[in-house]
Amino acid sequence: MEQSGAKMELRGAEWSRVKQSGPEWSRMEQSGAEWTRVEQNGAEWSRVDLSGAEWSRVKQSGPEWSRMEQSGAEWS
């Protein structure tokens, strides 16, 4: 994803499977290069950087992730 600084909102059950509020998600909050800034409507997470295998499990290169990659219905 190359939407640096783009505001994104978590919508629907599809992304809810990904969203974590505990230690597992905290491990994703590390210095990287692919995601510079991801913002949610709230306080659960403000910075998420893609780095390492943990987030790779979530990041899909197929249709499922592509739907979340758009700045349309699901990501605004």
PDB file of N, CA and C in Angstrom:
ATOM      1  N   MET A   1       0.836  -1.191   0.000  1.00  0.00           N
ATOM      2  CA  MET A   1       0.000   0.000   0.000  1.00  0.00           C
ATOM      3  C   MET A   1       0.874   1.245   0.000  1.00  0.00           C
ATOM      4  N   GLU A   2       0.540   2.182  -0.830  1.00  0.00           N
ATOM      5  CA  GLU A   2       1.322   3.392  -0.919  1.00  0.00           C
ATOM      6  C   GLU A   2       0.448   4.606  -0.617  1.00  0.00           C
ATOM      7  N   GLN A   3      -0.397   4.472   0.380  1.00  0.00           N
ATOM      8  CA  GLN A   3      -1.304   5.553   0.738  1.00  0.00           C
ATOM      9  C   GLN A   3      -0.795   6.249   1.992  1.00  0.00           C
ATOM     10  N   SER A   4       0.438   6.718   1.920  1.00  0.00           N
ATOM     11  CA  SER A   4       1.085   7.333   3.061  1.00  0.00           C
ATOM     12  C   SER A   4       0.263   8.499   3.585  1.00  0.00           C
ATOM     13  N   GLY A   5      -0.084   8.449   4.861  1.00  0.00           N
ATOM     14  CA  GLY A   5      -0.810   9.546   5.470  1.00  0.00           C
ATOM     15  C   GLY A   5      -2.288   9.559   5.160  1.00  0.00           C
ATOM     16  N   ALA A   6      -2.732   8.605   4.372  1.00  0.00           N
ATOM     17  CA  ALA A   6      -4.154   8.569   4.028  1.00  0.00           C
ATOM     18  C   ALA A   6      -4.972   8.144   5.237  1.00  0.00           C
ATOM     19  N   LYS A   7      -6.095   8.805   5.409  1.00  0.00           N
ATOM     20  CA  LYS A   7      -6.967   8.423   6.509  1.00  0.00           C
ATOM     21  C   LYS A   7      -7.747   7.183   6.121  1.00  0.00           C
ATOM     22  N   MET A   8      -7.774   6.220   7.021  1.00  0.00           N
ATOM     23  CA  MET A   8      -8.447   4.971   6.733  1.00  0.00           C
ATOM     24  C   MET A   8      -9.359   4.629   7.892  1.00  0.00           C
ATOM     25  N   GLU A   9     -10.501   4.086   7.587  1.00  0.00           N
ATOM     26  CA  GLU A   9     -11.434   3.686   8.624  1.00  0.00           C
ATOM     27  C   GLU A   9     -11.666   2.181   8.534  1.00  0.00           C
ATOM     28  N   LEU A  10     -11.686   1.564   9.696  1.00  0.00           N
ATOM     29  CA  LEU A  10     -11.967   0.140   9.741  1.00  0.00           C
ATOM     30  C   LEU A  10     -13.462  -0.062   9.629  1.00  0.00           C
ATOM     31  N   ARG A  11     -13.853  -0.850   8.635  1.00  0.00           N
ATOM     32  CA  ARG A  11     -15.278  -1.077   8.422  1.00  0.00           C
ATOM     33  C   ARG A  11     -15.534  -2.557   8.185  1.00  0.00           C
ATOM     34  N   GLY A  12     -16.553  -3.077   8.826  1.00  0.00           N
ATOM     35  CA  GLY A  12     -17.032  -4.420   8.518  1.00  0.00           C
ATOM     36  C   GLY A  12     -16.266  -5.525   9.222  1.00  0.00           C
ATOM     37  N   ALA A  13     -16.851  -6.700   9.157  1.00  0.00           N
ATOM     38  CA  ALA A  13     -16.295  -7.859   9.863  1.00  0.00           C
ATOM     39  C   ALA A  13     -15.003  -8.339   9.231  1.00  0.00           C
ATOM     40  N   GLU A  14     -14.810  -8.074   7.938  1.00  0.00           N
ATOM     41  CA  GLU A  14     -13.619  -8.563   7.253  1.00  0.00           C
ATOM     42  C   GLU A  14     -12.360  -8.011   7.901  1.00  0.00           C
ATOM     43  N   TRP A  15     -12.343  -6.707   8.144  1.00  0.00           N
ATOM     44  CA  TRP A  15     -11.165  -6.098   8.760  1.00  0.00           C
ATOM     45  C   TRP A  15     -11.124  -6.339  10.252  1.00  0.00           C
ATOM     46  N   SER A  16     -12.289  -6.606  10.846  1.00  0.00           N
ATOM     47  CA  SER A  16     -12.327  -6.883  12.277  1.00  0.00           C
ATOM     48  C   SER A  16     -11.503  -8.118  12.624  1.00  0.00           C
ATOM     49  N   ARG A  17     -11.405  -9.054  11.691  1.00  0.00           N
ATOM     50  CA  ARG A  17     -10.587 -10.241  11.928  1.00  0.00           C
ATOM     51  C   ARG A  17      -9.132  -9.855  12.103  1.00  0.00           C
ATOM     52  N   VAL A  18      -8.745  -8.756  11.470  1.00  0.00           N
ATOM     53  CA  VAL A  18      -7.364  -8.309  11.493  1.00  0.00           C
ATOM     54  C   VAL A  18      -7.077  -7.446  12.715  1.00  0.00           C
ATOM     55  N   LYS A  19      -8.032  -6.610  13.050  1.00  0.00           N
ATOM     56  CA  LYS A  19      -7.848  -5.619  14.107  1.00  0.00           C
ATOM     57  C   LYS A  19      -7.637  -6.299  15.463  1.00  0.00           C
ATOM     58  N   GLN A  20      -6.576  -5.934  16.122  1.00  0.00           N
ATOM     59  CA  GLN A  20      -6.280  -6.461  17.444  1.00  0.00           C
ATOM     60  C   GLN A  20      -6.105  -5.288  18.402  1.00  0.00           C
ATOM     61  N   SER A  21      -6.505  -5.479  19.642  1.00  0.00           N
ATOM     62  CA  SER A  21      -6.297  -4.412  20.615  1.00  0.00           C
ATOM     63  C   SER A  21      -5.298  -4.818  21.686  1.00  0.00           C
ATOM     64  N   GLY A  22      -4.765  -6.015  21.585  1.00  0.00           N
ATOM     65  CA  GLY A  22      -3.877  -6.537  22.612  1.00  0.00           C
ATOM     66  C   GLY A  22      -2.426  -6.585  22.170  1.00  0.00           C
ATOM     67  N   PRO A  23      -1.623  -7.360  22.853  1.00  0.00           N
ATOM     68  CA  PRO A  23      -0.169  -7.427  22.626  1.00  0.00           C
ATOM     69  C   PRO A  23       0.176  -7.840  21.198  1.00  0.00           C
ATOM     70  N   GLU A  24      -0.627  -8.706  20.598  1.00  0.00           N
ATOM     71  CA  GLU A  24      -0.297  -9.157  19.241  1.00  0.00           C
ATOM     72  C   GLU A  24      -0.270  -7.972  18.287  1.00  0.00           C
ATOM     73  N   TRP A  25      -1.263  -7.085  18.442  1.00  0.00           N
ATOM     74  CA  TRP A  25      -1.306  -5.901  17.578  1.00  0.00           C
ATOM     75  C   TRP A  25      -0.169  -4.953  17.899  1.00  0.00           C
ATOM     76  N   SER A  26       0.193  -4.866  19.162  1.00  0.00           N
ATOM     77  CA  SER A  26       1.281  -3.975  19.565  1.00  0.00           C
ATOM     78  C   SER A  26       2.588  -4.368  18.893  1.00  0.00           C
ATOM     79  N   ARG A  27       2.761  -5.657  18.675  1.00  0.00           N
ATOM     80  CA  ARG A  27       3.981  -6.105  18.022  1.00  0.00           C
ATOM     81  C   ARG A  27       4.052  -5.606  16.584  1.00  0.00           C
ATOM     82  N   MET A  28       2.909  -5.273  16.007  1.00  0.00           N
ATOM     83  CA  MET A  28       2.899  -4.749  14.647  1.00  0.00           C
ATOM     84  C   MET A  28       3.274  -3.276  14.611  1.00  0.00           C
ATOM     85  N   GLU A  29       3.179  -2.609  15.754  1.00  0.00           N
ATOM     86  CA  GLU A  29       3.499  -1.192  15.819  1.00  0.00           C
ATOM     87  C   GLU A  29       5.013  -1.015  15.925  1.00  0.00           C
ATOM     88  N   GLN A  30       5.713  -1.329  14.845  1.00  0.00           N
ATOM     89  CA  GLN A  30       7.157  -1.213  14.865  1.00  0.00           C
ATOM     90  C   GLN A  30       7.612  -0.436  13.637  1.00  0.00           C
ATOM     91  N   SER A  31       8.842   0.000  13.729  1.00  0.00           N
ATOM     92  CA  SER A  31       9.382   0.833  12.667  1.00  0.00           C
ATOM     93  C   SER A  31       9.533   0.032  11.382  1.00  0.00           C
ATOM     94  N   GLY A  32       8.967   0.538  10.297  1.00  0.00           N
ATOM     95  CA  GLY A  32       9.057  -0.121   9.010  1.00  0.00           C
ATOM     96  C   GLY A  32       9.038   0.911   7.899  1.00  0.00           C
ATOM     97  N   ALA A  33       8.709   0.477   6.698  1.00  0.00           N
ATOM     98  CA  ALA A  33       8.702   1.414   5.586  1.00  0.00           C
ATOM     99  C   ALA A  33       7.424   1.364   4.758  1.00  0.00           C
ATOM    100  N   GLU A  34       6.735   0.218   4.791  1.00  0.00           N
ATOM    101  CA  GLU A  34       5.626   0.050   3.857  1.00  0.00           C
ATOM    102  C   GLU A  34       4.411   0.864   4.271  1.00  0.00           C
ATOM    103  N   TRP A  35       4.023   0.738   5.547  1.00  0.00           N
ATOM    104  CA  TRP A  35       2.931   1.573   6.073  1.00  0.00           C
ATOM    105  C   TRP A  35       3.561   2.695   6.881  1.00  0.00           C
ATOM    106  N   THR A  36       3.399   3.914   6.419  1.00  0.00           N
ATOM    107  CA  THR A  36       3.933   5.009   7.229  1.00  0.00           C
ATOM    108  C   THR A  36       2.930   5.480   8.257  1.00  0.00           C
ATOM    109  N   ARG A  37       1.675   5.521   7.875  1.00  0.00           N
ATOM    110  CA  ARG A  37       0.685   6.040   8.815  1.00  0.00           C
ATOM    111  C   ARG A  37      -0.678   5.454   8.500  1.00  0.00           C
ATOM    112  N   VAL A  38      -1.291   4.851   9.488  1.00  0.00           N
ATOM    113  CA  VAL A  38      -2.643   4.334   9.339  1.00  0.00           C
ATOM    114  C   VAL A  38      -3.447   4.828  10.528  1.00  0.00           C
ATOM    115  N   GLU A  39      -4.535   5.514  10.242  1.00  0.00           N
ATOM    116  CA  GLU A  39      -5.319   6.098  11.316  1.00  0.00           C
ATOM    117  C   GLU A  39      -6.688   5.443  11.402  1.00  0.00           C
ATOM    118  N   GLN A  40      -7.126   5.243  12.596  1.00  0.00           N
ATOM    119  CA  GLN A  40      -8.453   4.705  12.850  1.00  0.00           C
ATOM    120  C   GLN A  40      -9.293   5.773  13.527  1.00  0.00           C
ATOM    121  N   ASN A  41     -10.604   5.668  13.371  1.00  0.00           N
ATOM    122  CA  ASN A  41     -11.538   6.546  14.076  1.00  0.00           C
ATOM    123  C   ASN A  41     -11.576   6.151  15.549  1.00  0.00           C
ATOM    124  N   GLY A  42     -10.580   6.511  16.306  1.00  0.00           N
ATOM    125  CA  GLY A  42     -10.525   6.134  17.703  1.00  0.00           C
ATOM    126  C   GLY A  42      -9.111   6.178  18.204  1.00  0.00           C
ATOM    127  N   ALA A  43      -8.800   5.334  19.170  1.00  0.00           N
ATOM    128  CA  ALA A  43      -7.488   5.392  19.793  1.00  0.00           C
ATOM    129  C   ALA A  43      -6.789   4.046  19.845  1.00  0.00           C
ATOM    130  N   GLU A  44      -7.399   2.999  19.255  1.00  0.00           N
ATOM    131  CA  GLU A  44      -6.801   1.682  19.407  1.00  0.00           C
ATOM    132  C   GLU A  44      -5.441   1.596  18.732  1.00  0.00           C
ATOM    133  N   TRP A  45      -5.319   2.196  17.550  1.00  0.00           N
ATOM    134  CA  TRP A  45      -3.996   2.252  16.951  1.00  0.00           C
ATOM    135  C   TRP A  45      -3.858   3.483  16.086  1.00  0.00           C
ATOM    136  N   SER A  46      -2.692   4.109  16.144  1.00  0.00           N
ATOM    137  CA  SER A  46      -2.439   5.313  15.362  1.00  0.00           C
ATOM    138  C   SER A  46      -1.308   5.112  14.363  1.00  0.00           C
ATOM    139  N   ARG A  47      -0.412   4.193  14.662  1.00  0.00           N
ATOM    140  CA  ARG A  47       0.687   3.908  13.738  1.00  0.00           C
ATOM    141  C   ARG A  47       0.846   2.408  13.567  1.00  0.00           C
ATOM    142  N   VAL A  48       0.859   1.975  12.331  1.00  0.00           N
ATOM    143  CA  VAL A  48       1.117   0.565  12.034  1.00  0.00           C
ATOM    144  C   VAL A  48       2.108   0.515  10.888  1.00  0.00           C
ATOM    145  N   ASP A  49       3.193  -0.167  11.090  1.00  0.00           N
ATOM    146  CA  ASP A  49       4.189  -0.297  10.040  1.00  0.00           C
ATOM    147  C   ASP A  49       4.341  -1.765   9.669  1.00  0.00           C
ATOM    148  N   LEU A  50       4.310  -2.008   8.374  1.00  0.00           N
ATOM    149  CA  LEU A  50       4.490  -3.378   7.900  1.00  0.00           C
ATOM    150  C   LEU A  50       5.960  -3.740   8.006  1.00  0.00           C
ATOM    151  N   SER A  51       6.252  -4.699   8.840  1.00  0.00           N
ATOM    152  CA  SER A  51       7.627  -5.139   8.979  1.00  0.00           C
ATOM    153  C   SER A  51       7.650  -6.514   9.630  1.00  0.00           C
ATOM    154  N   GLY A  52       8.073  -7.517   8.892  1.00  0.00           N
ATOM    155  CA  GLY A  52       8.200  -8.847   9.475  1.00  0.00           C
ATOM    156  C   GLY A  52       7.037  -9.768   9.155  1.00  0.00           C
ATOM    157  N   ALA A  53       7.166 -10.990   9.606  1.00  0.00           N
ATOM    158  CA  ALA A  53       6.243 -12.053   9.231  1.00  0.00           C
ATOM    159  C   ALA A  53       4.898 -11.944   9.938  1.00  0.00           C
ATOM    160  N   GLU A  54       4.891 -11.322  11.103  1.00  0.00           N
ATOM    161  CA  GLU A  54       3.648 -11.221  11.862  1.00  0.00           C
ATOM    162  C   GLU A  54       2.554 -10.551  11.030  1.00  0.00           C
ATOM    163  N   TRP A  55       2.885  -9.384  10.467  1.00  0.00           N
ATOM    164  CA  TRP A  55       1.898  -8.654   9.673  1.00  0.00           C
ATOM    165  C   TRP A  55       1.723  -9.283   8.302  1.00  0.00           C
ATOM    166  N   SER A  56       2.729 -10.010   7.841  1.00  0.00           N
ATOM    167  CA  SER A  56       2.616 -10.675   6.549  1.00  0.00           C
ATOM    168  C   SER A  56       1.468 -11.677   6.540  1.00  0.00           C
ATOM    169  N   ARG A  57       1.169 -12.245   7.705  1.00  0.00           N
ATOM    170  CA  ARG A  57       0.041 -13.165   7.791  1.00  0.00           C
ATOM    171  C   ARG A  57      -1.259 -12.445   7.436  1.00  0.00           C
ATOM    172  N   VAL A  58      -1.318 -11.173   7.782  1.00  0.00           N
ATOM    173  CA  VAL A  58      -2.526 -10.383   7.557  1.00  0.00           C
ATOM    174  C   VAL A  58      -2.557  -9.823   6.138  1.00  0.00           C
ATOM    175  N   LYS A  59      -1.406  -9.349   5.699  1.00  0.00           N
ATOM    176  CA  LYS A  59      -1.326  -8.714   4.384  1.00  0.00           C
ATOM    177  C   LYS A  59      -1.524  -9.769   3.292  1.00  0.00           C
ATOM    178  N   GLN A  60      -2.518  -9.558   2.479  1.00  0.00           N
ATOM    179  CA  GLN A  60      -2.813 -10.484   1.394  1.00  0.00           C
ATOM    180  C   GLN A  60      -2.491  -9.813   0.068  1.00  0.00           C
ATOM    181  N   SER A  61      -2.022 -10.623  -0.863  1.00  0.00           N
ATOM    182  CA  SER A  61      -1.769 -10.060  -2.184  1.00  0.00           C
ATOM    183  C   SER A  61      -2.904 -10.387  -3.145  1.00  0.00           C
ATOM    184  N   GLY A  62      -3.913 -11.044  -2.659  1.00  0.00           N
ATOM    185  CA  GLY A  62      -5.040 -11.456  -3.483  1.00  0.00           C
ATOM    186  C   GLY A  62      -6.225 -10.510  -3.367  1.00  0.00           C
ATOM    187  N   PRO A  63      -7.385 -10.951  -3.834  1.00  0.00           N
ATOM    188  CA  PRO A  63      -8.580 -10.097  -3.905  1.00  0.00           C
ATOM    189  C   PRO A  63      -9.039  -9.582  -2.548  1.00  0.00           C
ATOM    190  N   GLU A  64      -8.879 -10.401  -1.502  1.00  0.00           N
ATOM    191  CA  GLU A  64      -9.385  -9.993  -0.197  1.00  0.00           C
ATOM    192  C   GLU A  64      -8.703  -8.703   0.269  1.00  0.00           C
ATOM    193  N   TRP A  65      -7.371  -8.679   0.175  1.00  0.00           N
ATOM    194  CA  TRP A  65      -6.645  -7.496   0.619  1.00  0.00           C
ATOM    195  C   TRP A  65      -6.841  -6.343  -0.353  1.00  0.00           C
ATOM    196  N   SER A  66      -6.970  -6.653  -1.649  1.00  0.00           N
ATOM    197  CA  SER A  66      -7.148  -5.601  -2.644  1.00  0.00           C
ATOM    198  C   SER A  66      -8.408  -4.796  -2.357  1.00  0.00           C
ATOM    199  N   ARG A  67      -9.428  -5.470  -1.852  1.00  0.00           N
ATOM    200  CA  ARG A  67     -10.666  -4.757  -1.549  1.00  0.00           C
ATOM    201  C   ARG A  67     -10.440  -3.738  -0.444  1.00  0.00           C
ATOM    202  N   MET A  68      -9.543  -4.065   0.488  1.00  0.00           N
ATOM    203  CA  MET A  68      -9.266  -3.149   1.581  1.00  0.00           C
ATOM    204  C   MET A  68      -8.305  -2.051   1.149  1.00  0.00           C
ATOM    205  N   GLU A  69      -7.652  -2.273   0.020  1.00  0.00           N
ATOM    206  CA  GLU A  69      -6.619  -1.354  -0.436  1.00  0.00           C
ATOM    207  C   GLU A  69      -7.211  -0.159  -1.181  1.00  0.00           C
ATOM    208  N   GLN A  70      -8.466  -0.234  -1.509  1.00  0.00           N
ATOM    209  CA  GLN A  70      -9.087   0.829  -2.285  1.00  0.00           C
ATOM    210  C   GLN A  70      -9.528   1.966  -1.362  1.00  0.00           C
ATOM    211  N   SER A  71      -9.569   3.147  -1.917  1.00  0.00           N
ATOM    212  CA  SER A  71     -10.054   4.293  -1.141  1.00  0.00           C
ATOM    213  C   SER A  71     -11.517   4.535  -1.499  1.00  0.00           C
ATOM    214  N   GLY A  72     -12.324   3.497  -1.370  1.00  0.00           N
ATOM    215  CA  GLY A  72     -13.731   3.582  -1.715  1.00  0.00           C
ATOM    216  C   GLY A  72     -14.620   3.205  -0.554  1.00  0.00           C
ATOM    217  N   ALA A  73     -15.362   2.140  -0.706  1.00  0.00           N
ATOM    218  CA  ALA A  73     -16.376   1.778   0.277  1.00  0.00           C
ATOM    219  C   ALA A  73     -15.771   1.363   1.619  1.00  0.00           C
ATOM    220  N   GLU A  74     -14.778   0.472   1.580  1.00  0.00           N
ATOM    221  CA  GLU A  74     -14.291  -0.080   2.835  1.00  0.00           C
ATOM    222  C   GLU A  74     -13.239   0.821   3.484  1.00  0.00           C
ATOM    223  N   TRP A  75     -12.299   1.324   2.697  1.00  0.00           N
ATOM    224  CA  TRP A  75     -11.298   2.269   3.202  1.00  0.00           C
ATOM    225  C   TRP A  75     -11.683   3.659   2.717  1.00  0.00           C
ATOM    226  N   SER A  76     -11.785   4.586   3.627  1.00  0.00           N
ATOM    227  CA  SER A  76     -12.132   5.940   3.212  1.00  0.00           C
ATOM    228  C   SER A  76     -11.009   6.904   3.577  1.00  0.00           C
TER     229      SER A  76
END
